Amino acid sequence: MKSERMLASVKLVILDLDGVVYRGKDLLPGAAETIAWLRERGLQVYFLTNNSTLSRRQYVERLQAMGIPTRQEEMMTSAYATALYFKAKGLLAATVLVVGEEGLKEELRSAGLTVIGELVPDGRADFVVVGMDREFRYQHLYDAQQAILGGARFIATNRDPTYPVENGGVMPGGGSIVAAIAAASGQEPLLIGKPEPVTVEEILELSGRSPGEAIIVGDRLDTDIAMGLRVGLWTALVLSGVTSRQEAESAPPSMRPHWVLEGVADLPRLLESEDLSAH
């Protein structure tokens, strides 16, 4: 049967959060039931978000409060991936100026980095790490600019210009703040999050799966889908986030998903009806 062939092919499901599982404080229809369905069938489930405002610990608490049991080992974020970057490069002795919220700072501190939130007189930073910051103000922009001009390396957790919230709305994302600092400093950052492959490659290694055994479900063409295609994953775009069906259908090949779903609640039907080996 097609469902048997499909489930035999896909062993790992990677879910974005904002616009896929929830919008702001609102759990999206069918999200909890879909995740339970996937796990009941023995599929590995990982969550992958570019949103660096929360630590993995905080995301687990948030999902559990929404009725979705989750382990920290199943959570990959751009904040955690940034900490992994410093570990991999042997840079844990660095001082990092963070423009971002407590979740990002928690992940970097947990890795052993010295984290500062502002430049003091005659102070310096080795790196400037920028993510979403809902308390961003001019002083943050100035400190980041001065640190980068003084020789600090510029890292962005993500460049998402917006993210979806309740009632169909969107808010400025971390990419808007990154853009301001890039303009002020005249330098472009090293990008850690999607569409760069760092986060999903870490998930593949942790899960022991190959790209052909994984499907990523996301709401952004330029991050979730572009990264999935780049790495060789199956891709499904949901329309419950920031992307319309028209945008999906007119996307260039590098961002055109294998499937377009109204929402994550349609994922079980896809997995039961499609044979990936035929695509």
Protein backbone atom coordinates (compact mmCIF):
# COMPACT_ATOMS: atom_id res chain seq x y z
CA MET A 1 0.00 0.00 0.00
CA LYS A 2 1.08 3.58 -0.61
CA SER A 3 0.78 4.45 3.06
CA GLU A 4 3.09 1.58 3.98
CA ARG A 5 5.65 2.63 1.36
CA MET A 6 5.46 6.24 2.51
CA LEU A 7 5.90 5.41 6.17
CA ALA A 8 8.70 3.01 5.28
CA SER A 9 10.50 5.88 3.52
CA VAL A 10 9.97 8.66 6.08
CA LYS A 11 11.38 8.03 9.53
CA LEU A 12 11.90 11.61 10.73
CA VAL A 13 9.51 14.58 10.77
CA ILE A 14 10.97 18.04 11.44
CA LEU A 15 8.43 20.66 12.43
CA ASP A 16 8.89 24.41 12.50
CA LEU A 17 7.05 26.09 15.39
CA ASP A 18 5.84 29.64 14.61
CA GLY A 19 3.10 29.36 12.00
CA VAL A 20 3.16 25.53 12.02
CA VAL A 21 2.44 24.37 15.57
CA TYR A 22 1.20 27.69 16.96
CA ARG A 23 0.72 31.38 16.22
CA GLY A 24 1.76 33.41 19.23
CA LYS A 25 -0.09 31.95 22.21
CA ASP A 26 -2.62 30.08 20.06
CA LEU A 27 -2.10 26.40 19.30
CA LEU A 28 -3.00 25.77 15.67
CA PRO A 29 -5.85 23.36 14.87
CA GLY A 30 -4.83 19.72 14.92
CA ALA A 31 -1.21 20.37 15.91
CA ALA A 32 -1.21 18.38 19.16
CA GLU A 33 -3.20 15.55 17.59
CA THR A 34 -0.87 15.38 14.58
CA ILE A 35 2.25 15.20 16.73
CA ALA A 36 0.66 12.44 18.84
CA TRP A 37 -0.28 10.57 15.63
CA LEU A 38 3.29 10.76 14.33
CA ARG A 39 4.73 9.42 17.56
CA GLU A 40 2.17 6.64 17.81
CA ARG A 41 3.41 5.40 14.44
CA GLY A 42 7.02 5.36 15.56
CA LEU A 43 8.17 8.39 13.60
CA GLN A 44 10.91 10.54 15.13
CA VAL A 45 9.73 14.10 15.72
CA TYR A 46 12.05 17.08 16.07
CA PHE A 47 11.18 20.74 16.38
CA LEU A 48 13.30 23.31 14.54
CA THR A 49 12.82 27.04 14.98
CA ASN A 50 14.73 30.13 13.92
CA ASN A 51 13.16 32.06 16.78
CA SER A 52 15.94 32.60 19.34
CA THR A 53 13.87 34.28 22.06
CA LEU A 54 13.53 31.11 24.14
CA SER A 55 16.01 28.45 25.18
CA ARG A 56 15.33 24.79 24.44
CA ARG A 57 14.25 24.38 28.05
CA GLN A 58 11.74 27.20 27.69
CA TYR A 59 10.39 25.84 24.40
CA VAL A 60 9.83 22.45 26.01
CA GLU A 61 7.90 24.13 28.83
CA ARG A 62 5.84 26.08 26.30
CA LEU A 63 4.90 23.03 24.25
CA GLN A 64 4.10 20.99 27.34
CA ALA A 65 1.80 23.78 28.54
CA MET A 66 0.01 23.49 25.18
CA GLY A 67 -0.51 19.77 25.69
CA ILE A 68 2.41 18.55 23.57
CA PRO A 69 4.82 16.36 25.59
CA THR A 70 8.35 17.15 24.42
CA ARG A 71 11.92 16.38 25.46
CA GLN A 72 14.73 18.91 25.23
CA GLU A 73 16.64 16.48 23.01
CA GLU A 74 13.90 16.89 20.38
CA MET A 75 14.33 20.67 20.20
CA MET A 76 16.69 22.51 17.86
CA THR A 77 16.80 26.30 17.82
CA SER A 78 18.96 28.92 16.16
CA ALA A 79 20.09 29.98 19.64
CA TYR A 80 21.28 26.49 20.55
CA ALA A 81 22.87 26.06 17.12
CA THR A 82 24.80 29.28 17.71
CA ALA A 83 26.13 27.85 20.98
CA LEU A 84 27.11 24.68 19.11
CA TYR A 85 28.98 26.82 16.57
CA PHE A 86 31.13 28.35 19.32
CA LYS A 87 31.82 24.89 20.76
CA ALA A 88 32.74 23.42 17.38
CA LYS A 89 35.14 26.29 16.65
CA GLY A 90 36.80 26.16 20.09
CA LEU A 91 35.68 29.70 20.90
CA LEU A 92 34.21 29.19 24.36
CA ALA A 93 36.66 31.68 25.91
CA ALA A 94 35.10 34.49 23.87
CA THR A 95 33.18 37.46 25.21
CA VAL A 96 29.89 37.85 23.34
CA LEU A 97 27.76 40.97 23.13
CA VAL A 98 24.20 39.72 22.68
CA VAL A 99 21.39 41.68 21.11
CA GLY A 100 18.60 39.27 21.91
CA GLU A 101 16.37 37.89 24.61
CA GLU A 102 17.06 35.72 27.63
CA GLY A 103 16.64 32.41 25.78
CA LEU A 104 19.58 33.19 23.51
CA LYS A 105 21.68 34.37 26.43
CA GLU A 106 20.84 31.21 28.39
CA GLU A 107 22.00 28.92 25.59
CA LEU A 108 25.28 30.82 25.18
CA ARG A 109 25.97 30.94 28.92
CA SER A 110 25.21 27.22 29.20
CA ALA A 111 27.94 26.61 26.63
CA GLY A 112 30.41 28.47 28.85
CA LEU A 113 30.61 31.77 26.98
CA THR A 114 30.92 35.15 28.68
CA VAL A 115 27.75 37.01 27.73
CA ILE A 116 27.32 40.76 28.02
CA GLY A 117 24.30 42.88 27.20
CA GLU A 118 26.04 46.20 26.68
CA LEU A 119 29.45 47.71 26.09
CA VAL A 120 30.96 49.42 29.10
CA PRO A 121 33.48 52.27 28.70
CA ASP A 122 36.74 50.87 27.33
CA GLY A 123 35.06 47.46 27.10
CA ARG A 124 35.27 45.09 24.16
CA ALA A 125 33.57 42.05 22.73
CA ASP A 126 34.97 39.31 20.54
CA PHE A 127 31.59 38.61 18.90
CA VAL A 128 28.25 40.29 18.45
CA VAL A 129 25.36 37.77 18.30
CA VAL A 130 22.01 39.11 17.18
CA GLY A 131 18.55 37.58 17.41
CA MET A 132 15.00 38.65 18.04
CA ASP A 133 14.76 41.28 20.80
CA ARG A 134 11.39 42.83 21.63
CA GLU A 135 13.14 45.45 23.79
CA PHE A 136 15.58 46.53 21.07
CA ARG A 137 16.46 50.22 21.24
CA TYR A 138 18.97 52.70 19.88
CA GLN A 139 21.58 51.99 22.57
CA HIS A 140 21.64 48.33 21.51
CA LEU A 141 22.16 49.38 17.91
CA TYR A 142 24.97 51.72 18.94
CA ASP A 143 26.74 49.16 21.13
CA ALA A 144 26.56 46.49 18.43
CA GLN A 145 27.83 48.92 15.80
CA GLN A 146 30.74 50.04 17.95
CA ALA A 147 31.73 46.48 18.85
CA ILE A 148 31.71 45.37 15.21
CA LEU A 149 33.65 48.45 14.09
CA GLY A 150 36.10 47.65 16.89
CA GLY A 151 36.78 44.20 15.46
CA ALA A 152 34.07 41.94 16.88
CA ARG A 153 32.73 39.28 14.49
CA PHE A 154 29.05 39.64 13.62
CA ILE A 155 26.78 36.57 13.91
CA ALA A 156 23.04 36.40 13.23
CA THR A 157 20.92 33.61 14.70
CA ASN A 158 18.44 34.17 11.84
CA ARG A 159 17.30 36.73 9.28
CA ASP A 160 13.53 36.14 9.33
CA PRO A 161 12.05 39.60 8.68
CA THR A 162 8.72 38.72 10.32
CA TYR A 163 7.04 36.01 12.35
CA PRO A 164 3.35 35.07 12.64
CA VAL A 165 1.27 35.84 15.72
CA GLU A 166 -2.34 35.48 16.83
CA ASN A 167 -5.33 36.40 14.65
CA GLY A 168 -3.41 36.20 11.37
CA GLY A 169 -1.01 39.01 12.21
CA VAL A 170 2.74 39.29 11.83
CA MET A 171 5.41 41.11 13.84
CA PRO A 172 8.95 42.24 12.99
CA GLY A 173 11.36 39.34 13.31
CA GLY A 174 15.00 39.04 14.25
CA GLY A 175 16.03 39.71 10.67
CA SER A 176 14.73 43.27 10.97
CA ILE A 177 17.14 43.89 13.85
CA VAL A 178 19.99 42.16 12.02
CA ALA A 179 19.34 44.42 9.03
CA ALA A 180 19.58 47.54 11.19
CA ILE A 181 22.91 46.47 12.69
CA ALA A 182 24.25 45.45 9.27
CA ALA A 183 23.33 48.89 7.92
CA ALA A 184 24.92 50.69 10.87
CA SER A 185 28.14 48.66 10.83
CA GLY A 186 28.51 48.24 7.08
CA GLN A 187 29.09 44.49 7.59
CA GLU A 188 27.05 41.39 6.85
CA PRO A 189 26.81 38.65 9.50
CA LEU A 190 27.60 34.98 9.54
CA LEU A 191 24.16 33.32 9.50
CA ILE A 192 23.53 30.27 11.71
CA GLY A 193 19.80 29.53 11.32
CA LYS A 194 17.68 28.47 8.36
CA PRO A 195 18.18 28.50 5.38
CA GLU A 196 21.75 27.61 6.36
CA PRO A 197 21.95 23.83 6.86
CA VAL A 198 23.65 23.82 10.28
CA THR A 199 20.51 23.17 12.34
CA VAL A 200 19.03 20.43 10.19
CA GLU A 201 22.39 18.70 9.77
CA GLU A 202 22.63 18.53 13.55
CA ILE A 203 19.16 16.97 13.71
CA LEU A 204 20.08 14.39 11.07
CA GLU A 205 23.20 13.47 13.05
CA LEU A 206 21.33 13.24 16.34
CA SER A 207 18.55 11.14 14.84
CA GLY A 208 20.84 8.92 12.79
CA ARG A 209 18.74 9.56 9.67
CA SER A 210 19.63 10.42 6.09
CA PRO A 211 18.02 13.38 4.25
CA GLY A 212 15.85 11.03 2.18
CA GLU A 213 14.29 9.65 5.36
CA ALA A 214 13.18 13.09 6.58
CA ILE A 215 10.45 15.59 5.80
CA ILE A 216 10.45 19.20 7.02
CA VAL A 217 7.19 21.04 7.57
CA GLY A 218 7.43 24.83 7.62
CA ASP A 219 5.64 28.04 6.74
CA ARG A 220 8.44 30.00 5.04
CA LEU A 221 9.71 29.40 1.53
CA ASP A 222 13.00 31.26 2.04
CA THR A 223 14.00 29.38 5.20
CA ASP A 224 12.22 26.07 5.86
CA ILE A 225 11.66 25.01 2.26
CA ALA A 226 14.88 26.45 0.80
CA MET A 227 16.94 24.70 3.47
CA GLY A 228 15.08 21.42 3.12
CA LEU A 229 15.60 21.34 -0.63
CA ARG A 230 19.23 22.36 -0.24
CA VAL A 231 19.92 19.44 2.09
CA GLY A 232 17.80 16.92 0.19
CA LEU A 233 14.81 16.58 2.52
CA TRP A 234 11.20 16.16 1.51
CA THR A 235 9.39 19.45 2.07
CA ALA A 236 5.84 20.45 2.97
CA LEU A 237 4.71 24.06 3.22
CA VAL A 238 1.77 24.92 5.45
CA LEU A 239 -0.40 27.97 4.73
CA SER A 240 -1.07 28.66 8.42
CA GLY A 241 1.94 30.97 8.72
CA VAL A 242 3.31 33.76 6.53
CA THR A 243 3.15 32.26 3.01
CA SER A 244 0.16 32.20 0.64
CA ARG A 245 -0.69 29.47 -1.87
CA GLN A 246 -0.05 31.90 -4.72
CA GLU A 247 3.44 32.64 -3.39
CA ALA A 248 4.12 28.92 -3.09
CA GLU A 249 2.97 28.18 -6.63
CA SER A 250 5.05 30.99 -8.11
CA ALA A 251 8.21 30.23 -6.11
CA PRO A 252 11.46 29.50 -7.97
CA PRO A 253 12.59 25.85 -8.01
CA SER A 254 15.03 26.44 -5.14
CA MET A 255 12.08 27.32 -2.87
CA ARG A 256 9.21 25.29 -4.34
CA PRO A 257 7.93 22.71 -1.83
CA HIS A 258 7.06 19.13 -2.70
CA TRP A 259 3.63 19.62 -1.11
CA VAL A 260 1.45 22.51 0.06
CA LEU A 261 -0.87 21.86 3.01
CA GLU A 262 -3.51 24.08 4.58
CA GLY A 263 -2.06 23.26 8.00
CA VAL A 264 -0.15 20.67 9.97
CA ALA A 265 -3.41 18.79 10.59
CA ASP A 266 -3.22 17.66 6.95
CA LEU A 267 0.14 15.95 7.48
CA PRO A 268 -1.24 12.52 8.51
CA ARG A 269 -3.36 12.40 5.35
CA LEU A 270 -0.28 13.23 3.27
CA LEU A 271 1.79 10.55 4.94
CA GLU A 272 -0.95 7.98 4.44
CA SER A 273 -1.61 8.82 0.79
CA GLU A 274 1.68 9.77 -0.81
CA ASP A 275 4.51 7.54 -1.96
CA LEU A 276 7.70 9.61 -1.70
CA SER A 277 9.62 7.19 -3.87
CA ALA A 278 7.40 8.23 -6.79
CA HIS A 279 8.56 11.88 -6.65
